[in-house]
Amino acid sequence: MNVQEQIEKYITSQAEPKRSDMQELHRIILQVMPVCKLWFLDGKNNENITVSNPNIGYGFHTIKYADGSSREFYQIGISANKTGISVYILGIKDKKYLTHTYGKKIGKASVSGYCIKFKTLKDINIDILEAAIRFGVEATR
């Protein structure tokens, strides 16, 4: 199964309204990043043990670690969780930027240094979420 098939299977496995919200987020992110690399991480480690929720990734950037090592990873990610959806915006150096810039304007969401969590898309301002995603894409270029 290729990455696009894994993504489709993951999205369609969600119950409504999460399924429709994930499909809409997928569409929005692909509009922002039409020719990006797609990722699908099933949430399992090398021993096939579940360590996180599965997630869909878009684009890529290099993560540099304190020990000098690095690895390629996605820029933007989405994941369904028990209470809703998480949108990951990676690579922003200022860990307070998302909270300060979008936190008060986005609606009913929890905003951290790299993650925006919400229950459903109807609870948030989608234009503000898209602006945060666009900023994340530009910040890692």
Protein backbone atom coordinates (compact mmCIF):
# COMPACT_ATOMS: atom_id res chain seq x y z
CA MET A 1 0.00 0.00 0.00
CA ASN A 2 1.46 3.37 -0.97
CA VAL A 3 1.42 6.50 1.21
CA GLN A 4 -1.66 8.00 -0.42
CA GLU A 5 -3.58 4.74 0.10
CA GLN A 6 -2.46 4.61 3.76
CA ILE A 7 -3.63 8.21 4.25
CA GLU A 8 -7.00 7.48 2.62
CA LYS A 9 -7.46 4.34 4.74
CA TYR A 10 -6.56 6.25 7.94
CA ILE A 11 -8.95 9.11 7.20
CA THR A 12 -11.85 6.84 6.21
CA SER A 13 -11.33 4.74 9.37
CA GLN A 14 -12.33 7.74 11.52
CA ALA A 15 -15.89 8.14 12.79
CA GLU A 16 -17.88 11.20 11.76
CA PRO A 17 -17.48 14.14 12.19
CA LYS A 18 -13.74 13.50 12.58
CA ARG A 19 -13.58 11.80 9.16
CA SER A 20 -15.01 14.83 7.34
CA ASP A 21 -12.83 17.21 9.38
CA MET A 22 -9.69 15.20 8.55
CA GLN A 23 -10.64 15.13 4.84
CA GLU A 24 -11.14 18.91 4.89
CA LEU A 25 -7.80 19.49 6.67
CA HIS A 26 -6.06 17.21 4.17
CA ARG A 27 -7.60 19.26 1.32
CA ILE A 28 -6.61 22.60 2.90
CA ILE A 29 -3.02 21.52 3.53
CA LEU A 30 -2.66 20.20 -0.02
CA GLN A 31 -3.93 23.57 -1.29
CA VAL A 32 -1.23 25.32 0.75
CA MET A 33 1.43 22.75 -0.23
CA PRO A 34 0.32 21.29 -3.60
CA VAL A 35 3.58 19.53 -4.50
CA CYS A 36 4.74 18.45 -1.05
CA LYS A 37 6.12 15.11 0.06
CA LEU A 38 3.42 13.07 1.86
CA TRP A 39 4.17 10.98 4.93
CA PHE A 40 2.15 8.42 6.84
CA LEU A 41 3.39 7.28 10.24
CA ASP A 42 1.41 4.44 11.77
CA GLY A 43 2.46 5.32 15.33
CA LYS A 44 4.48 2.13 15.86
CA ASN A 45 8.16 1.83 16.74
CA ASN A 46 10.71 -0.66 15.36
CA GLU A 47 9.32 -3.42 17.60
CA ASN A 48 5.78 -2.82 16.24
CA ILE A 49 4.66 -1.32 19.56
CA THR A 50 2.23 1.60 19.38
CA VAL A 51 3.96 4.70 20.74
CA SER A 52 1.78 7.48 19.28
CA ASN A 53 -1.37 8.12 17.29
CA PRO A 54 -0.97 7.57 13.55
CA ASN A 55 -0.29 10.82 11.71
CA ILE A 56 -0.20 12.29 8.23
CA GLY A 57 2.71 14.53 7.32
CA TYR A 58 3.23 17.11 4.60
CA GLY A 59 6.45 18.60 3.25
CA PHE A 60 9.83 18.02 4.84
CA HIS A 61 12.53 19.74 6.81
CA THR A 62 15.63 18.62 8.62
CA ILE A 63 15.47 18.25 12.39
CA LYS A 64 18.84 18.88 14.02
CA TYR A 65 19.47 17.36 17.44
CA ALA A 66 21.74 18.63 20.24
CA ASP A 67 24.15 15.72 19.69
CA GLY A 68 24.78 16.93 16.12
CA SER A 69 22.69 14.25 14.41
CA SER A 70 19.79 15.10 12.14
CA ARG A 71 16.91 13.50 10.29
CA GLU A 72 14.30 14.39 7.71
CA PHE A 73 10.75 14.84 8.97
CA TYR A 74 7.54 16.53 7.88
CA GLN A 75 6.75 20.25 8.33
CA ILE A 76 2.99 20.00 8.89
CA GLY A 77 1.17 17.03 10.38
CA ILE A 78 -2.35 16.02 11.37
CA SER A 79 -3.51 13.31 13.70
CA ALA A 80 -6.79 12.13 15.14
CA ASN A 81 -6.79 11.69 18.90
CA LYS A 82 -9.38 10.63 21.49
CA THR A 83 -10.80 14.12 21.94
CA GLY A 84 -10.39 15.57 18.44
CA ILE A 85 -7.63 16.50 16.02
CA SER A 86 -4.07 17.75 16.41
CA VAL A 87 -2.32 19.87 13.79
CA TYR A 88 1.47 19.91 14.14
CA ILE A 89 3.45 22.85 12.79
CA LEU A 90 7.10 21.92 13.11
CA GLY A 91 10.26 23.91 12.60
CA ILE A 92 9.17 27.23 14.11
CA LYS A 93 12.10 28.45 16.20
CA ASP A 94 10.08 30.74 18.53
CA LYS A 95 8.03 28.29 20.62
CA LYS A 96 5.72 31.10 21.80
CA TYR A 97 4.87 32.36 18.30
CA LEU A 98 1.82 30.15 17.61
CA THR A 99 0.29 30.83 21.02
CA HIS A 100 0.87 34.59 20.89
CA THR A 101 -0.11 35.06 17.24
CA TYR A 102 -3.03 32.67 16.81
CA GLY A 103 -4.07 31.49 20.29
CA LYS A 104 -6.69 34.16 21.03
CA LYS A 105 -8.05 34.31 17.45
CA ILE A 106 -8.39 30.63 16.57
CA GLY A 107 -11.41 29.74 18.72
CA LYS A 108 -11.88 26.71 20.95
CA ALA A 109 -8.42 25.19 20.63
CA SER A 110 -5.35 24.46 22.70
CA VAL A 111 -2.26 26.06 21.15
CA SER A 112 1.29 25.12 22.16
CA GLY A 113 4.72 25.76 20.66
CA TYR A 114 4.10 23.42 17.74
CA CYS A 115 0.58 21.96 18.08
CA ILE A 116 -2.99 23.19 17.69
CA LYS A 117 -5.58 20.81 19.17
CA PHE A 118 -9.34 21.12 18.79
CA LYS A 119 -12.43 18.96 18.97
CA THR A 120 -13.98 19.77 15.56
CA LEU A 121 -13.35 22.22 12.76
CA LYS A 122 -16.58 24.03 13.56
CA ASP A 123 -15.05 25.04 16.92
CA ILE A 124 -12.24 27.03 15.30
CA ASN A 125 -11.62 29.74 12.73
CA ILE A 126 -10.32 27.75 9.75
CA ASP A 127 -8.80 30.87 8.15
CA ILE A 128 -6.64 31.41 11.27
CA LEU A 129 -5.58 27.74 11.23
CA GLU A 130 -4.65 28.05 7.55
CA ALA A 131 -2.65 31.21 8.32
CA ALA A 132 -0.74 29.31 11.04
CA ILE A 133 -0.04 26.46 8.60
CA ARG A 134 1.15 28.91 5.94
CA PHE A 135 3.45 30.56 8.50
CA GLY A 136 4.88 27.15 9.44
CA VAL A 137 5.59 26.31 5.81
CA GLU A 138 7.35 29.65 5.23
CA ALA A 139 9.28 29.45 8.53
CA THR A 140 11.08 26.27 7.46
CA ARG A 141 12.09 27.47 3.98
